[in-house]
């Protein structure tokens, strides 16, 4: 089945970190590698003040970004690093 939409949510801090900050491991100081994962959600989960985002049964790819340290191998989410 095809996906009808793609959704990526960022807070202001996450967006600044994602675009501008140097990706360094908080534990060991090693270089971080970016990866993204997605989960399937449905349009009924995304409502805004102005009304529904999509029809209730439409499939949405909901992306999350993760960073993995090359040296120590720890995996951090974008929200963990930006916070």
PDB file of N, CA and C in Angstrom:
ATOM      1  N   UNK A   1       0.836  -1.187   0.000  1.00  0.00           N
ATOM      2  CA  UNK A   1       0.000   0.000   0.000  1.00  0.00           C
ATOM      3  C   UNK A   1       0.877   1.246   0.000  1.00  0.00           C
ATOM      4  N   UNK A   2       0.407   2.234  -0.696  1.00  0.00           N
ATOM      5  CA  UNK A   2       1.149   3.486  -0.761  1.00  0.00           C
ATOM      6  C   UNK A   2       0.815   4.371   0.432  1.00  0.00           C
ATOM      7  N   UNK A   3       1.767   5.226   0.751  1.00  0.00           N
ATOM      8  CA  UNK A   3       1.557   6.230   1.789  1.00  0.00           C
ATOM      9  C   UNK A   3       1.036   7.498   1.130  1.00  0.00           C
ATOM     10  N   UNK A   4       0.088   8.147   1.774  1.00  0.00           N
ATOM     11  CA  UNK A   4      -0.482   9.362   1.227  1.00  0.00           C
ATOM     12  C   UNK A   4       0.247  10.613   1.716  1.00  0.00           C
ATOM     13  N   UNK A   5       0.955  10.498   2.841  1.00  0.00           N
ATOM     14  CA  UNK A   5       1.594  11.689   3.400  1.00  0.00           C
ATOM     15  C   UNK A   5       2.840  11.302   4.190  1.00  0.00           C
ATOM     16  N   UNK A   6       3.680  12.297   4.408  1.00  0.00           N
ATOM     17  CA  UNK A   6       4.883  12.155   5.228  1.00  0.00           C
ATOM     18  C   UNK A   6       4.832  13.251   6.274  1.00  0.00           C
ATOM     19  N   UNK A   7       5.205  12.908   7.505  1.00  0.00           N
ATOM     20  CA  UNK A   7       5.174  13.909   8.577  1.00  0.00           C
ATOM     21  C   UNK A   7       6.448  13.828   9.395  1.00  0.00           C
ATOM     22  N   UNK A   8       7.045  14.999   9.635  1.00  0.00           N
ATOM     23  CA  UNK A   8       8.224  15.135  10.483  1.00  0.00           C
ATOM     24  C   UNK A   8       7.951  16.307  11.418  1.00  0.00           C
ATOM     25  N   UNK A   9       8.060  16.083  12.713  1.00  0.00           N
ATOM     26  CA  UNK A   9       7.829  17.148  13.690  1.00  0.00           C
ATOM     27  C   UNK A   9       9.145  17.537  14.342  1.00  0.00           C
ATOM     28  N   UNK A  10       9.389  18.843  14.448  1.00  0.00           N
ATOM     29  CA  UNK A  10      10.551  19.374  15.141  1.00  0.00           C
ATOM     30  C   UNK A  10      10.100  20.444  16.119  1.00  0.00           C
ATOM     31  N   UNK A  11      10.731  20.483  17.284  1.00  0.00           N
ATOM     32  CA  UNK A  11      10.598  21.659  18.136  1.00  0.00           C
ATOM     33  C   UNK A  11      11.646  22.657  17.650  1.00  0.00           C
ATOM     34  N   UNK A  12      11.623  23.848  18.174  1.00  0.00           N
ATOM     35  CA  UNK A  12      12.589  24.855  17.751  1.00  0.00           C
ATOM     36  C   UNK A  12      14.022  24.417  18.076  1.00  0.00           C
ATOM     37  N   UNK A  13      14.231  23.895  19.284  1.00  0.00           N
ATOM     38  CA  UNK A  13      15.562  23.436  19.680  1.00  0.00           C
ATOM     39  C   UNK A  13      16.045  22.280  18.815  1.00  0.00           C
ATOM     40  N   UNK A  14      15.138  21.347  18.506  1.00  0.00           N
ATOM     41  CA  UNK A  14      15.514  20.214  17.664  1.00  0.00           C
ATOM     42  C   UNK A  14      15.899  20.667  16.264  1.00  0.00           C
ATOM     43  N   UNK A  15      15.167  21.603  15.701  1.00  0.00           N
ATOM     44  CA  UNK A  15      15.473  22.099  14.369  1.00  0.00           C
ATOM     45  C   UNK A  15      16.823  22.807  14.335  1.00  0.00           C
ATOM     46  N   UNK A  16      17.106  23.625  15.346  1.00  0.00           N
ATOM     47  CA  UNK A  16      18.400  24.311  15.407  1.00  0.00           C
ATOM     48  C   UNK A  16      19.532  23.306  15.528  1.00  0.00           C
ATOM     49  N   UNK A  17      19.368  22.299  16.386  1.00  0.00           N
ATOM     50  CA  UNK A  17      20.399  21.276  16.532  1.00  0.00           C
ATOM     51  C   UNK A  17      20.576  20.502  15.225  1.00  0.00           C
ATOM     52  N   UNK A  18      19.473  20.137  14.599  1.00  0.00           N
ATOM     53  CA  UNK A  18      19.503  19.343  13.378  1.00  0.00           C
ATOM     54  C   UNK A  18      20.212  20.074  12.238  1.00  0.00           C
ATOM     55  N   UNK A  19      19.972  21.372  12.108  1.00  0.00           N
ATOM     56  CA  UNK A  19      20.523  22.127  10.994  1.00  0.00           C
ATOM     57  C   UNK A  19      21.885  22.757  11.267  1.00  0.00           C
ATOM     58  N   UNK A  20      22.120  23.219  12.503  1.00  0.00           N
ATOM     59  CA  UNK A  20      23.276  24.068  12.738  1.00  0.00           C
ATOM     60  C   UNK A  20      24.360  23.502  13.652  1.00  0.00           C
ATOM     61  N   UNK A  21      24.006  22.691  14.600  1.00  0.00           N
ATOM     62  CA  UNK A  21      24.977  22.247  15.607  1.00  0.00           C
ATOM     63  C   UNK A  21      25.854  21.117  15.081  1.00  0.00           C
ATOM     64  N   UNK A  22      27.062  21.046  15.641  1.00  0.00           N
ATOM     65  CA  UNK A  22      27.972  19.959  15.314  1.00  0.00           C
ATOM     66  C   UNK A  22      27.514  18.709  16.060  1.00  0.00           C
ATOM     67  N   UNK A  23      27.453  17.599  15.357  1.00  0.00           N
ATOM     68  CA  UNK A  23      26.953  16.353  15.946  1.00  0.00           C
ATOM     69  C   UNK A  23      28.099  15.622  16.645  1.00  0.00           C
ATOM     70  N   UNK A  24      28.191  15.815  17.974  1.00  0.00           N
ATOM     71  CA  UNK A  24      29.236  15.222  18.801  1.00  0.00           C
ATOM     72  C   UNK A  24      28.567  14.436  19.928  1.00  0.00           C
ATOM     73  N   UNK A  25      29.090  13.251  20.209  1.00  0.00           N
ATOM     74  CA  UNK A  25      28.535  12.393  21.258  1.00  0.00           C
ATOM     75  C   UNK A  25      28.708  13.059  22.627  1.00  0.00           C
ATOM     76  N   UNK A  26      27.640  13.169  23.423  1.00  0.00           N
ATOM     77  CA  UNK A  26      27.765  13.765  24.743  1.00  0.00           C
ATOM     78  C   UNK A  26      28.558  12.897  25.721  1.00  0.00           C
ATOM     79  N   UNK A  27      28.664  11.603  25.452  1.00  0.00           N
ATOM     80  CA  UNK A  27      29.379  10.703  26.352  1.00  0.00           C
ATOM     81  C   UNK A  27      30.881  10.692  26.127  1.00  0.00           C
ATOM     82  N   UNK A  28      31.286  10.485  24.869  1.00  0.00           N
ATOM     83  CA  UNK A  28      32.719  10.307  24.604  1.00  0.00           C
ATOM     84  C   UNK A  28      33.313  11.366  23.680  1.00  0.00           C
ATOM     85  N   UNK A  29      32.492  12.194  23.061  1.00  0.00           N
ATOM     86  CA  UNK A  29      33.002  13.235  22.169  1.00  0.00           C
ATOM     87  C   UNK A  29      33.253  12.754  20.753  1.00  0.00           C
ATOM     88  N   UNK A  30      32.800  11.552  20.418  1.00  0.00           N
ATOM     89  CA  UNK A  30      32.992  10.999  19.076  1.00  0.00           C
ATOM     90  C   UNK A  30      32.009  11.563  18.070  1.00  0.00           C
ATOM     91  N   UNK A  31      32.267  11.271  16.803  1.00  0.00           N
ATOM     92  CA  UNK A  31      31.419  11.740  15.715  1.00  0.00           C
ATOM     93  C   UNK A  31      30.120  10.929  15.669  1.00  0.00           C
ATOM     94  N   UNK A  32      29.016  11.606  15.357  1.00  0.00           N
ATOM     95  CA  UNK A  32      27.699  10.971  15.326  1.00  0.00           C
ATOM     96  C   UNK A  32      27.249  10.771  13.873  1.00  0.00           C
ATOM     97  N   UNK A  33      26.617   9.637  13.623  1.00  0.00           N
ATOM     98  CA  UNK A  33      26.059   9.313  12.315  1.00  0.00           C
ATOM     99  C   UNK A  33      24.538   9.430  12.398  1.00  0.00           C
ATOM    100  N   UNK A  34      23.948  10.160  11.437  1.00  0.00           N
ATOM    101  CA  UNK A  34      22.499  10.375  11.433  1.00  0.00           C
ATOM    102  C   UNK A  34      21.798   9.207  10.745  1.00  0.00           C
ATOM    103  N   UNK A  35      20.662   8.790  11.312  1.00  0.00           N
ATOM    104  CA  UNK A  35      19.797   7.808  10.670  1.00  0.00           C
ATOM    105  C   UNK A  35      18.359   8.214  10.938  1.00  0.00           C
ATOM    106  N   UNK A  36      17.475   7.720  10.118  1.00  0.00           N
ATOM    107  CA  UNK A  36      16.063   8.028  10.328  1.00  0.00           C
ATOM    108  C   UNK A  36      15.262   6.734  10.275  1.00  0.00           C
ATOM    109  N   UNK A  37      14.208   6.718  11.045  1.00  0.00           N
ATOM    110  CA  UNK A  37      13.304   5.583  11.098  1.00  0.00           C
ATOM    111  C   UNK A  37      11.885   6.130  10.969  1.00  0.00           C
ATOM    112  N   UNK A  38      10.994   5.281  10.510  1.00  0.00           N
ATOM    113  CA  UNK A  38       9.606   5.730  10.420  1.00  0.00           C
ATOM    114  C   UNK A  38       8.675   4.657  10.947  1.00  0.00           C
ATOM    115  N   UNK A  39       7.528   5.125  11.348  1.00  0.00           N
ATOM    116  CA  UNK A  39       6.459   4.223  11.750  1.00  0.00           C
ATOM    117  C   UNK A  39       5.204   4.634  10.990  1.00  0.00           C
ATOM    118  N   UNK A  40       4.338   3.692  10.778  1.00  0.00           N
ATOM    119  CA  UNK A  40       3.101   3.965  10.063  1.00  0.00           C
ATOM    120  C   UNK A  40       2.034   4.408  11.051  1.00  0.00           C
ATOM    121  N   UNK A  41       1.461   5.541  10.758  1.00  0.00           N
ATOM    122  CA  UNK A  41       0.333   6.038  11.540  1.00  0.00           C
ATOM    123  C   UNK A  41      -0.799   6.358  10.590  1.00  0.00           C
ATOM    124  N   UNK A  42      -1.917   6.743  11.141  1.00  0.00           N
ATOM    125  CA  UNK A  42      -3.081   7.050  10.317  1.00  0.00           C
ATOM    126  C   UNK A  42      -3.507   8.492  10.530  1.00  0.00           C
ATOM    127  N   UNK A  43      -4.188   9.047   9.540  1.00  0.00           N
ATOM    128  CA  UNK A  43      -4.582  10.448   9.551  1.00  0.00           C
ATOM    129  C   UNK A  43      -5.396  10.869  10.746  1.00  0.00           C
ATOM    130  N   UNK A  44      -6.132   9.950  11.350  1.00  0.00           N
ATOM    131  CA  UNK A  44      -6.979  10.299  12.492  1.00  0.00           C
ATOM    132  C   UNK A  44      -6.157  10.708  13.719  1.00  0.00           C
ATOM    133  N   UNK A  45      -4.852  10.410  13.731  1.00  0.00           N
ATOM    134  CA  UNK A  45      -3.996  10.765  14.866  1.00  0.00           C
ATOM    135  C   UNK A  45      -3.496  12.206  14.799  1.00  0.00           C
ATOM    136  N   UNK A  46      -3.644  12.871  13.658  1.00  0.00           N
ATOM    137  CA  UNK A  46      -3.096  14.208  13.468  1.00  0.00           C
ATOM    138  C   UNK A  46      -4.210  15.223  13.264  1.00  0.00           C
ATOM    139  N   UNK A  47      -4.647  15.800  14.353  1.00  0.00           N
ATOM    140  CA  UNK A  47      -5.649  16.854  14.285  1.00  0.00           C
ATOM    141  C   UNK A  47      -5.011  18.156  14.726  1.00  0.00           C
ATOM    142  N   UNK A  48      -5.440  19.220  14.126  1.00  0.00           N
ATOM    143  CA  UNK A  48      -4.944  20.537  14.511  1.00  0.00           C
ATOM    144  C   UNK A  48      -6.127  21.411  14.920  1.00  0.00           C
ATOM    145  N   UNK A  49      -5.842  22.622  15.295  1.00  0.00           N
ATOM    146  CA  UNK A  49      -6.889  23.556  15.705  1.00  0.00           C
ATOM    147  C   UNK A  49      -7.805  23.875  14.526  1.00  0.00           C
ATOM    148  N   UNK A  50      -7.234  23.877  13.334  1.00  0.00           N
ATOM    149  CA  UNK A  50      -8.007  24.233  12.144  1.00  0.00           C
ATOM    150  C   UNK A  50      -8.832  23.080  11.582  1.00  0.00           C
ATOM    151  N   UNK A  51      -8.674  21.883  12.116  1.00  0.00           N
ATOM    152  CA  UNK A  51      -9.440  20.742  11.623  1.00  0.00           C
ATOM    153  C   UNK A  51      -8.528  19.557  11.355  1.00  0.00           C
ATOM    154  N   UNK A  52      -9.053  18.523  10.742  1.00  0.00           N
ATOM    155  CA  UNK A  52      -8.249  17.325  10.511  1.00  0.00           C
ATOM    156  C   UNK A  52      -7.116  17.569   9.519  1.00  0.00           C
ATOM    157  N   UNK A  53      -5.995  16.930   9.782  1.00  0.00           N
ATOM    158  CA  UNK A  53      -4.831  17.021   8.907  1.00  0.00           C
ATOM    159  C   UNK A  53      -5.060  16.212   7.637  1.00  0.00           C
ATOM    160  N   UNK A  54      -5.556  14.999   7.802  1.00  0.00           N
ATOM    161  CA  UNK A  54      -5.833  14.085   6.697  1.00  0.00           C
ATOM    162  C   UNK A  54      -7.124  13.322   6.987  1.00  0.00           C
ATOM    163  N   UNK A  55      -7.597  12.577   6.003  1.00  0.00           N
ATOM    164  CA  UNK A  55      -8.736  11.700   6.241  1.00  0.00           C
ATOM    165  C   UNK A  55      -8.339  10.630   7.256  1.00  0.00           C
ATOM    166  N   UNK A  56      -9.304  10.112   7.987  1.00  0.00           N
ATOM    167  CA  UNK A  56      -9.031   9.182   9.089  1.00  0.00           C
ATOM    168  C   UNK A  56      -8.256   7.934   8.690  1.00  0.00           C
ATOM    169  N   UNK A  57      -8.489   7.395   7.530  1.00  0.00           N
ATOM    170  CA  UNK A  57      -7.874   6.129   7.162  1.00  0.00           C
ATOM    171  C   UNK A  57      -6.631   6.272   6.281  1.00  0.00           C
ATOM    172  N   UNK A  58      -6.150   7.472   6.024  1.00  0.00           N
ATOM    173  CA  UNK A  58      -4.962   7.653   5.187  1.00  0.00           C
ATOM    174  C   UNK A  58      -3.705   7.281   5.957  1.00  0.00           C
ATOM    175  N   UNK A  59      -2.810   6.563   5.287  1.00  0.00           N
ATOM    176  CA  UNK A  59      -1.558   6.118   5.904  1.00  0.00           C
ATOM    177  C   UNK A  59      -0.517   7.243   5.841  1.00  0.00           C
ATOM    178  N   UNK A  60       0.190   7.442   6.954  1.00  0.00           N
ATOM    179  CA  UNK A  60       1.179   8.518   7.077  1.00  0.00           C
ATOM    180  C   UNK A  60       2.495   7.907   7.537  1.00  0.00           C
ATOM    181  N   UNK A  61       3.592   8.265   6.864  1.00  0.00           N
ATOM    182  CA  UNK A  61       4.926   7.884   7.323  1.00  0.00           C
ATOM    183  C   UNK A  61       5.359   8.946   8.329  1.00  0.00           C
ATOM    184  N   UNK A  62       5.569   8.556   9.573  1.00  0.00           N
ATOM    185  CA  UNK A  62       5.946   9.484  10.643  1.00  0.00           C
ATOM    186  C   UNK A  62       7.413   9.227  10.972  1.00  0.00           C
ATOM    187  N   UNK A  63       8.292  10.170  10.580  1.00  0.00           N
ATOM    188  CA  UNK A  63       9.735  10.002  10.704  1.00  0.00           C
ATOM    189  C   UNK A  63      10.267  10.481  12.055  1.00  0.00           C
ATOM    190  N   UNK A  64      11.292   9.771  12.540  1.00  0.00           N
ATOM    191  CA  UNK A  64      12.054  10.154  13.730  1.00  0.00           C
ATOM    192  C   UNK A  64      13.531  10.059  13.369  1.00  0.00           C
ATOM    193  N   UNK A  65      14.335  10.971  13.900  1.00  0.00           N
ATOM    194  CA  UNK A  65      15.761  10.980  13.605  1.00  0.00           C
ATOM    195  C   UNK A  65      16.557  10.520  14.813  1.00  0.00           C
ATOM    196  N   UNK A  66      17.594   9.731  14.547  1.00  0.00           N
ATOM    197  CA  UNK A  66      18.468   9.196  15.586  1.00  0.00           C
ATOM    198  C   UNK A  66      19.919   9.415  15.178  1.00  0.00           C
ATOM    199  N   UNK A  67      20.781   9.533  16.184  1.00  0.00           N
ATOM    200  CA  UNK A  67      22.207   9.699  15.950  1.00  0.00           C
ATOM    201  C   UNK A  67      22.953   8.632  16.727  1.00  0.00           C
ATOM    202  N   UNK A  68      23.881   7.942  16.054  1.00  0.00           N
ATOM    203  CA  UNK A  68      24.654   6.876  16.667  1.00  0.00           C
ATOM    204  C   UNK A  68      26.126   7.275  16.663  1.00  0.00           C
ATOM    205  N   UNK A  69      26.793   7.101  17.805  1.00  0.00           N
ATOM    206  CA  UNK A  69      28.203   7.443  17.938  1.00  0.00           C
ATOM    207  C   UNK A  69      29.048   6.368  17.258  1.00  0.00           C
ATOM    208  N   UNK A  70      30.035   6.795  16.467  1.00  0.00           N
ATOM    209  CA  UNK A  70      30.926   5.847  15.803  1.00  0.00           C
ATOM    210  C   UNK A  70      31.852   5.144  16.787  1.00  0.00           C
ATOM    211  N   UNK A  71      32.241   5.840  17.862  1.00  0.00           N
ATOM    212  CA  UNK A  71      33.230   5.290  18.790  1.00  0.00           C
ATOM    213  C   UNK A  71      32.610   4.395  19.864  1.00  0.00           C
ATOM    214  N   UNK A  72      31.616   4.901  20.580  1.00  0.00           N
ATOM    215  CA  UNK A  72      31.054   4.113  21.686  1.00  0.00           C
ATOM    216  C   UNK A  72      29.800   3.333  21.303  1.00  0.00           C
ATOM    217  N   UNK A  73      29.165   3.665  20.175  1.00  0.00           N
ATOM    218  CA  UNK A  73      28.012   2.922  19.695  1.00  0.00           C
ATOM    219  C   UNK A  73      26.695   3.280  20.343  1.00  0.00           C
ATOM    220  N   UNK A  74      26.642   4.309  21.187  1.00  0.00           N
ATOM    221  CA  UNK A  74      25.379   4.699  21.819  1.00  0.00           C
ATOM    222  C   UNK A  74      24.487   5.410  20.808  1.00  0.00           C
ATOM    223  N   UNK A  75      23.186   5.187  20.957  1.00  0.00           N
ATOM    224  CA  UNK A  75      22.190   5.755  20.061  1.00  0.00           C
ATOM    225  C   UNK A  75      21.357   6.780  20.818  1.00  0.00           C
ATOM    226  N   UNK A  76      21.232   7.975  20.247  1.00  0.00           N
ATOM    227  CA  UNK A  76      20.478   9.070  20.864  1.00  0.00           C
ATOM    228  C   UNK A  76      19.407   9.540  19.899  1.00  0.00           C
ATOM    229  N   UNK A  77      18.253   9.903  20.455  1.00  0.00           N
ATOM    230  CA  UNK A  77      17.214  10.515  19.617  1.00  0.00           C
ATOM    231  C   UNK A  77      17.533  12.008  19.489  1.00  0.00           C
ATOM    232  N   UNK A  78      16.931  12.633  18.512  1.00  0.00           N
ATOM    233  CA  UNK A  78      17.145  14.063  18.293  1.00  0.00           C
ATOM    234  C   UNK A  78      16.670  14.864  19.492  1.00  0.00           C
ATOM    235  N   UNK A  79      15.577  14.467  20.111  1.00  0.00           N
ATOM    236  CA  UNK A  79      15.063  15.209  21.268  1.00  0.00           C
ATOM    237  C   UNK A  79      16.008  15.101  22.466  1.00  0.00           C
ATOM    238  N   UNK A  80      16.680  13.967  22.636  1.00  0.00           N
ATOM    239  CA  UNK A  80      17.656  13.811  23.719  1.00  0.00           C
ATOM    240  C   UNK A  80      18.851  14.743  23.525  1.00  0.00           C
ATOM    241  N   UNK A  81      19.322  14.848  22.312  1.00  0.00           N
ATOM    242  CA  UNK A  81      20.497  15.682  22.030  1.00  0.00           C
ATOM    243  C   UNK A  81      20.181  17.166  22.083  1.00  0.00           C
ATOM    244  N   UNK A  82      18.990  17.543  21.641  1.00  0.00           N
ATOM    245  CA  UNK A  82      18.629  18.960  21.630  1.00  0.00           C
ATOM    246  C   UNK A  82      18.245  19.477  23.011  1.00  0.00           C
ATOM    247  N   UNK A  83      17.817  18.580  23.895  1.00  0.00           N
ATOM    248  CA  UNK A  83      17.354  18.989  25.216  1.00  0.00           C
ATOM    249  C   UNK A  83      18.490  19.181  26.127  1.00  0.00           C
TER     250      UNK A  83
END
